[in-house]
Amino acid sequence: MIDGDVSVGAVRELLAEARGGVVPIVAAGDPVLRSGAARYTGQLDSETFAELIEVMRATMHDAPGVGLAAPQIGIPLQIAVIEDLYDVEAEVSRVRERTPLPFRVLVNPRYTPVGSRTAGFYEGCLSVPGYQAVVTRAAEVRLECTDEAGREIDEVVAGWPARIVAHETDHLHGTLYIDTAHMRSLTTSEVYGELWSDPTPERAAQALGFTVDLG
């Protein structure tokens, strides 16, 4: 973990430890995940920034996951990468509004709910390995940030991509999904695969005793 002010040297030292372009993911309990990340204002030179993005992307793929925030590799800057191109069953895709999400870089992102529609689904986190829980989130969010080239982004994101955006942005402000999850839904990933991997968590809610908004 990199403490205090983020220096190019400290980041390059961490990146030099990458094996096959991959670095370890920080687990829950490490203060870097709770302290809130600093806004990115050009603290890194262009070469280091580009290498950081590539290492974050490779680490996300290796995990595997659909998003990764810089604090998850010990760098307290407001930078995240997201990508979701995994094949899922048609019914899962329809119910969860899980549409393909090409690779994107989010710098200093923030999101606000659009409308009142919400939905609750199981989600997990690379920093909380081995568990999943149901989180109710806005079904649509307005995303405001810049990309890796400094271009302004201001758009509405819906469905599963909105969930990914919210999850990764929360990381940058010291929030983990377990902070807002329906904790009675908490399950190991193994049990989730055996019992609760339906398109919706409706059966799990009935059996485990929690209430969930299915959208």
Protein backbone atom coordinates (compact mmCIF):
# COMPACT_ATOMS: atom_id res chain seq x y z
CA MET A 1 0.00 0.00 0.00
CA ILE A 2 1.14 3.53 -0.73
CA ASP A 3 0.59 5.89 2.20
CA GLY A 4 0.06 9.64 2.20
CA ASP A 5 0.88 11.69 -0.88
CA VAL A 6 1.07 9.64 -4.07
CA SER A 7 4.47 9.97 -5.73
CA VAL A 8 5.52 8.73 -9.15
CA GLY A 9 8.35 6.81 -7.52
CA ALA A 10 6.05 4.97 -5.14
CA VAL A 11 3.67 4.02 -7.93
CA ARG A 12 6.48 2.89 -10.19
CA GLU A 13 7.88 0.76 -7.37
CA LEU A 14 4.53 -0.97 -7.01
CA LEU A 15 4.18 -1.45 -10.77
CA ALA A 16 7.69 -2.92 -10.93
CA GLU A 17 6.45 -5.72 -8.69
CA ALA A 18 3.90 -6.83 -11.30
CA ARG A 19 4.23 -10.42 -12.42
CA GLY A 20 2.89 -10.97 -15.90
CA GLY A 21 1.48 -7.47 -15.71
CA VAL A 22 -0.54 -8.39 -12.61
CA VAL A 23 -0.25 -7.09 -9.04
CA PRO A 24 -1.90 -8.39 -5.84
CA ILE A 25 -5.37 -7.14 -4.92
CA VAL A 26 -5.76 -5.52 -1.50
CA ALA A 27 -8.25 -7.29 0.76
CA ALA A 28 -10.88 -5.78 3.06
CA GLY A 29 -9.35 -4.63 6.32
CA ASP A 30 -6.56 -2.63 4.67
CA PRO A 31 -7.00 1.09 5.45
CA VAL A 32 -6.42 2.08 1.81
CA LEU A 33 -9.88 0.72 1.03
CA ARG A 34 -11.50 2.89 3.71
CA SER A 35 -9.65 6.19 3.68
CA GLY A 36 -11.01 7.61 0.43
CA ALA A 37 -8.83 8.25 -2.59
CA ALA A 38 -7.39 11.58 -3.72
CA ARG A 39 -8.68 13.23 -6.87
CA TYR A 40 -6.39 12.58 -9.80
CA THR A 41 -4.90 15.91 -10.86
CA GLY A 42 -1.93 14.72 -12.90
CA GLN A 43 0.18 13.37 -10.03
CA LEU A 44 1.68 10.78 -12.42
CA ASP A 45 3.66 11.37 -15.60
CA SER A 46 2.03 10.08 -18.79
CA GLU A 47 4.18 6.93 -18.99
CA THR A 48 3.49 5.90 -15.40
CA PHE A 49 -0.22 6.67 -15.77
CA ALA A 50 -0.47 4.55 -18.93
CA GLU A 51 1.38 1.67 -17.26
CA LEU A 52 -0.90 1.90 -14.24
CA ILE A 53 -3.97 1.57 -16.47
CA GLU A 54 -2.51 -1.49 -18.23
CA VAL A 55 -1.63 -3.16 -14.93
CA MET A 56 -5.09 -2.44 -13.53
CA ARG A 57 -6.70 -3.91 -16.64
CA ALA A 58 -4.51 -7.03 -16.54
CA THR A 59 -5.14 -7.48 -12.82
CA MET A 60 -8.90 -7.13 -13.33
CA HIS A 61 -8.85 -9.75 -16.08
CA ASP A 62 -6.66 -12.11 -14.07
CA ALA A 63 -8.93 -12.01 -11.00
CA PRO A 64 -11.29 -12.25 -12.96
CA GLY A 65 -13.60 -9.29 -12.45
CA VAL A 66 -15.54 -6.59 -14.27
CA GLY A 67 -14.04 -3.59 -12.50
CA LEU A 68 -11.07 -2.53 -10.43
CA ALA A 69 -10.38 0.68 -8.51
CA ALA A 70 -6.86 1.95 -7.91
CA PRO A 71 -7.16 1.62 -4.09
CA GLN A 72 -7.68 -2.12 -4.65
CA ILE A 73 -4.04 -2.34 -5.68
CA GLY A 74 -2.94 0.04 -2.95
CA ILE A 75 -2.93 3.31 -4.89
CA PRO A 76 -5.22 5.94 -3.30
CA LEU A 77 -6.14 7.82 -6.47
CA GLN A 78 -9.60 8.25 -7.99
CA ILE A 79 -9.01 6.01 -10.98
CA ALA A 80 -11.00 2.90 -11.93
CA VAL A 81 -11.22 0.54 -14.89
CA ILE A 82 -14.36 -1.34 -15.92
CA GLU A 83 -15.14 -3.95 -18.57
CA ASP A 84 -17.82 -6.64 -18.86
CA LEU A 85 -17.78 -8.78 -21.98
CA TYR A 86 -18.55 -12.11 -20.30
CA ASP A 87 -21.13 -14.41 -21.89
CA VAL A 88 -24.16 -14.95 -19.67
CA GLU A 89 -27.42 -16.81 -20.18
CA ALA A 90 -30.07 -14.92 -22.12
CA GLU A 91 -32.51 -14.87 -19.20
CA VAL A 92 -29.83 -13.56 -16.83
CA SER A 93 -28.87 -10.90 -19.35
CA ARG A 94 -32.50 -9.82 -19.76
CA VAL A 95 -33.50 -9.75 -16.10
CA ARG A 96 -30.31 -8.12 -14.85
CA GLU A 97 -30.05 -5.79 -17.87
CA ARG A 98 -26.52 -7.08 -18.28
CA THR A 99 -25.35 -5.61 -21.56
CA PRO A 100 -21.78 -5.68 -22.93
CA LEU A 101 -19.55 -3.01 -21.41
CA PRO A 102 -16.36 -2.31 -23.41
CA PHE A 103 -13.19 -1.41 -21.52
CA ARG A 104 -13.29 2.07 -20.03
CA VAL A 105 -11.17 4.19 -17.71
CA LEU A 106 -12.95 6.38 -15.17
CA VAL A 107 -10.98 9.26 -13.65
CA ASN A 108 -12.51 11.18 -10.72
CA PRO A 109 -15.92 9.59 -11.32
CA ARG A 110 -19.09 10.49 -9.52
CA TYR A 111 -22.60 9.19 -10.07
CA THR A 112 -26.12 10.27 -9.20
CA PRO A 113 -29.32 8.21 -9.48
CA VAL A 114 -31.57 8.92 -12.44
CA GLY A 115 -35.24 8.40 -11.64
CA SER A 116 -36.55 6.32 -8.76
CA ARG A 117 -36.24 2.79 -10.16
CA THR A 118 -33.97 0.50 -8.17
CA ALA A 119 -33.01 -3.16 -8.37
CA GLY A 120 -31.39 -5.63 -6.00
CA PHE A 121 -29.03 -8.35 -7.19
CA TYR A 122 -26.16 -10.38 -5.84
CA GLU A 123 -22.74 -8.88 -6.35
CA GLY A 124 -19.25 -9.62 -5.13
CA CYS A 125 -15.95 -7.81 -4.79
CA LEU A 126 -12.35 -8.72 -5.58
CA SER A 127 -11.36 -7.20 -2.23
CA VAL A 128 -13.88 -9.37 -0.35
CA PRO A 129 -13.04 -12.73 -1.96
CA GLY A 130 -15.25 -15.75 -1.51
CA TYR A 131 -18.52 -13.99 -0.69
CA GLN A 132 -21.52 -12.40 -2.38
CA ALA A 133 -24.50 -10.43 -1.12
CA VAL A 134 -27.51 -8.62 -2.52
CA VAL A 135 -27.18 -4.86 -2.97
CA THR A 136 -30.03 -2.55 -4.00
CA ARG A 137 -28.82 0.14 -6.37
CA ALA A 138 -30.27 2.71 -8.74
CA ALA A 139 -31.20 1.11 -12.05
CA GLU A 140 -29.87 4.15 -13.90
CA VAL A 141 -27.14 6.59 -12.93
CA ARG A 142 -25.63 9.72 -14.35
CA LEU A 143 -21.88 9.23 -14.66
CA GLU A 144 -19.60 12.26 -14.66
CA CYS A 145 -15.82 11.86 -14.98
CA THR A 146 -12.98 12.09 -17.43
CA ASP A 147 -11.35 9.29 -19.39
CA GLU A 148 -7.67 8.41 -19.65
CA ALA A 149 -7.15 11.15 -22.24
CA GLY A 150 -8.79 13.83 -20.11
CA ARG A 151 -12.00 13.94 -22.16
CA GLU A 152 -15.12 14.88 -20.22
CA ILE A 153 -17.77 12.17 -19.78
CA ASP A 154 -21.34 13.01 -18.80
CA GLU A 155 -23.80 10.25 -19.65
CA VAL A 156 -26.57 8.06 -18.30
CA VAL A 157 -25.68 4.43 -17.69
CA ALA A 158 -28.36 1.79 -17.10
CA GLY A 159 -28.72 -1.77 -15.90
CA TRP A 160 -25.73 -3.88 -14.93
CA PRO A 161 -23.21 -1.34 -16.27
CA ALA A 162 -24.74 1.20 -13.85
CA ARG A 163 -24.15 -1.26 -11.01
CA ILE A 164 -20.50 -1.65 -12.02
CA VAL A 165 -20.02 2.11 -12.25
CA ALA A 166 -21.54 2.61 -8.80
CA HIS A 167 -19.57 -0.25 -7.22
CA GLU A 168 -16.21 1.00 -8.49
CA THR A 169 -16.94 4.66 -7.77
CA ASP A 170 -17.91 3.72 -4.21
CA HIS A 171 -14.46 2.15 -3.80
CA LEU A 172 -12.88 5.53 -4.44
CA HIS A 173 -14.76 7.01 -1.50
CA GLY A 174 -13.95 4.26 0.99
CA THR A 175 -17.18 2.31 0.61
CA LEU A 176 -17.39 -1.46 0.07
CA TYR A 177 -20.49 -3.20 -1.22
CA ILE A 178 -20.95 -4.95 2.13
CA ASP A 179 -21.65 -1.54 3.71
CA THR A 180 -25.00 -1.30 1.92
CA ALA A 181 -25.77 -4.96 1.23
CA HIS A 182 -28.71 -6.91 2.63
CA MET A 183 -26.54 -8.80 5.10
CA ARG A 184 -29.03 -11.64 5.55
CA SER A 185 -28.33 -12.44 1.90
CA LEU A 186 -24.58 -12.90 2.51
CA THR A 187 -23.37 -16.22 1.12
CA THR A 188 -20.14 -17.86 0.17
CA SER A 189 -19.53 -17.94 -3.56
CA GLU A 190 -19.69 -21.73 -3.40
CA VAL A 191 -23.14 -21.75 -1.81
CA TYR A 192 -24.26 -19.00 -4.19
CA GLY A 193 -23.33 -21.24 -7.12
CA GLU A 194 -25.12 -24.20 -5.59
CA LEU A 195 -28.32 -22.50 -4.42
CA TRP A 196 -28.85 -18.89 -5.42
CA SER A 197 -27.53 -18.20 -8.93
CA ASP A 198 -31.03 -17.60 -10.32
CA PRO A 199 -31.53 -14.56 -12.55
CA THR A 200 -33.06 -12.78 -9.52
CA PRO A 201 -32.47 -13.23 -5.77
CA GLU A 202 -36.19 -13.78 -5.12
CA ARG A 203 -35.83 -17.38 -3.85
CA ALA A 204 -32.87 -16.39 -1.69
CA ALA A 205 -34.88 -13.53 -0.19
CA GLN A 206 -37.72 -15.87 0.75
CA ALA A 207 -35.43 -18.53 2.19
CA LEU A 208 -32.99 -16.25 4.01
CA GLY A 209 -35.46 -13.67 5.23
CA PHE A 210 -34.67 -10.39 3.51
CA THR A 211 -36.63 -8.06 1.27
CA VAL A 212 -35.29 -7.05 -2.10
CA ASP A 213 -36.45 -4.73 -4.87
CA LEU A 214 -36.42 -6.64 -8.15
CA GLY A 215 -36.83 -3.53 -10.30
